[in-house]
C-alpha cells in the first residue's frame, strides 16, 4: 500500500476537494449512504466524533452527489456508487 492509499482526510478536507457541504457528508454518514473509512479512537479508547475519509470515499461521494443531482434517490445512488467503485458491472 502506498502512502497516498492509506491517507485519510477530515470532513473539511473532503468538503474543500469535492464541494459537498460537510453537513451533507455527515448526514450521509449517519444515514449509511457514505460511511467514513476510519473513525479514530480518542485517548480514552472511545470512538472519536471525527470522521476520516479515504480517497476512494471521496470518489464515491462525488458519484453519489452526481447521481442525486440526476434524480436518483439517496439509498439507490449510494448502492450504484458502491457497485461502480467496487468494479461490479451494472445491467442497464
Protein backbone atom coordinates (compact mmCIF):
# COMPACT_ATOMS: atom_id res chain seq x y z
CA UNK A 1 0.00 0.00 0.00
CA UNK A 2 1.41 3.38 -0.93
CA UNK A 3 1.37 6.27 1.48
CA UNK A 4 -1.35 8.01 -0.60
CA UNK A 5 -3.60 4.92 -0.48
CA UNK A 6 -3.50 4.84 3.32
CA UNK A 7 -4.06 8.55 3.84
CA UNK A 8 -7.36 9.73 5.26
CA UNK A 9 -8.95 13.14 5.18
CA UNK A 10 -11.15 15.07 7.58
CA UNK A 11 -14.62 16.23 6.63
CA UNK A 12 -13.39 19.80 5.99
CA UNK A 13 -10.81 18.49 3.52
CA UNK A 14 -13.43 16.41 1.72
CA UNK A 15 -15.75 19.43 1.58
CA UNK A 16 -12.98 21.55 0.05
CA UNK A 17 -11.99 18.92 -2.54
CA UNK A 18 -15.47 17.69 -3.55
CA UNK A 19 -17.59 20.78 -2.97
CA UNK A 20 -20.06 18.71 -0.93
CA UNK A 21 -21.03 20.55 2.28
CA UNK A 22 -19.76 18.91 5.46
CA UNK A 23 -23.29 18.73 6.91
CA UNK A 24 -24.31 16.69 3.86
CA UNK A 25 -21.31 14.37 4.29
CA UNK A 26 -22.13 13.94 7.99
CA UNK A 27 -25.80 13.25 7.20
CA UNK A 28 -24.85 10.70 4.53
CA UNK A 29 -22.56 9.00 7.05
CA UNK A 30 -25.30 8.99 9.72
CA UNK A 31 -27.76 7.53 7.18
CA UNK A 32 -25.25 4.92 5.97
CA UNK A 33 -25.04 6.31 2.43
CA UNK A 34 -21.32 7.12 2.68
CA UNK A 35 -19.53 5.59 5.63
CA UNK A 36 -16.23 7.09 6.69
CA UNK A 37 -13.32 4.67 6.27
CA UNK A 38 -11.89 5.48 9.66
CA UNK A 39 -13.15 6.88 12.90
CA UNK A 40 -10.14 7.16 15.18
CA UNK A 41 -10.34 6.40 18.85
CA UNK A 42 -9.61 9.08 21.39
CA UNK A 43 -7.16 8.77 24.26
CA UNK A 44 -9.90 7.31 26.42
CA UNK A 45 -10.47 4.47 23.91
CA UNK A 46 -13.91 5.69 22.85
CA UNK A 47 -14.78 6.42 19.26
CA UNK A 48 -13.85 9.93 18.24
CA UNK A 49 -16.56 12.03 16.57
CA UNK A 50 -14.09 12.95 13.82
CA UNK A 51 -14.79 11.10 10.60
CA UNK A 52 -11.89 10.25 8.29
CA UNK A 53 -12.41 9.59 4.59
CA UNK A 54 -10.14 7.81 2.10
CA UNK A 55 -9.58 8.92 -1.47
CA UNK A 56 -11.96 6.19 -2.65
CA UNK A 57 -14.58 7.58 -0.22
CA UNK A 58 -14.18 10.96 -1.92
CA UNK A 59 -14.69 9.40 -5.36
CA UNK A 60 -17.81 7.63 -4.06
CA UNK A 61 -19.08 10.91 -2.53
CA UNK A 62 -18.72 12.72 -5.86
CA UNK A 63 -20.54 9.90 -7.63
CA UNK A 64 -23.38 9.90 -5.08
CA UNK A 65 -23.73 13.68 -5.48
CA UNK A 66 -23.83 13.38 -9.29
CA UNK A 67 -26.41 10.58 -9.20
CA UNK A 68 -28.56 12.50 -6.74
CA UNK A 69 -28.33 15.60 -8.94
CA UNK A 70 -29.77 13.46 -11.75
CA UNK A 71 -32.74 12.43 -9.61
CA UNK A 72 -31.65 9.10 -8.14
CA UNK A 73 -32.83 8.67 -4.54
CA UNK A 74 -30.13 8.63 -1.86
CA UNK A 75 -30.03 4.95 -0.97
CA UNK A 76 -30.12 3.87 -4.61
CA UNK A 77 -27.40 6.40 -5.51
CA UNK A 78 -25.23 5.00 -2.70
CA UNK A 79 -25.75 1.43 -3.91
CA UNK A 80 -24.87 2.31 -7.51
CA UNK A 81 -21.81 4.30 -6.39
CA UNK A 82 -20.60 1.43 -4.21
CA UNK A 83 -21.06 -1.05 -7.07
CA UNK A 84 -19.25 1.16 -9.58
CA UNK A 85 -16.36 1.81 -7.20
CA UNK A 86 -16.06 -1.92 -6.50
CA UNK A 87 -16.00 -2.78 -10.20
CA UNK A 88 -19.39 -4.51 -10.30
CA UNK A 89 -20.85 -4.42 -13.84
CA UNK A 90 -24.29 -2.85 -13.96
CA UNK A 91 -27.07 -4.08 -16.24
CA UNK A 92 -28.95 -1.28 -17.96
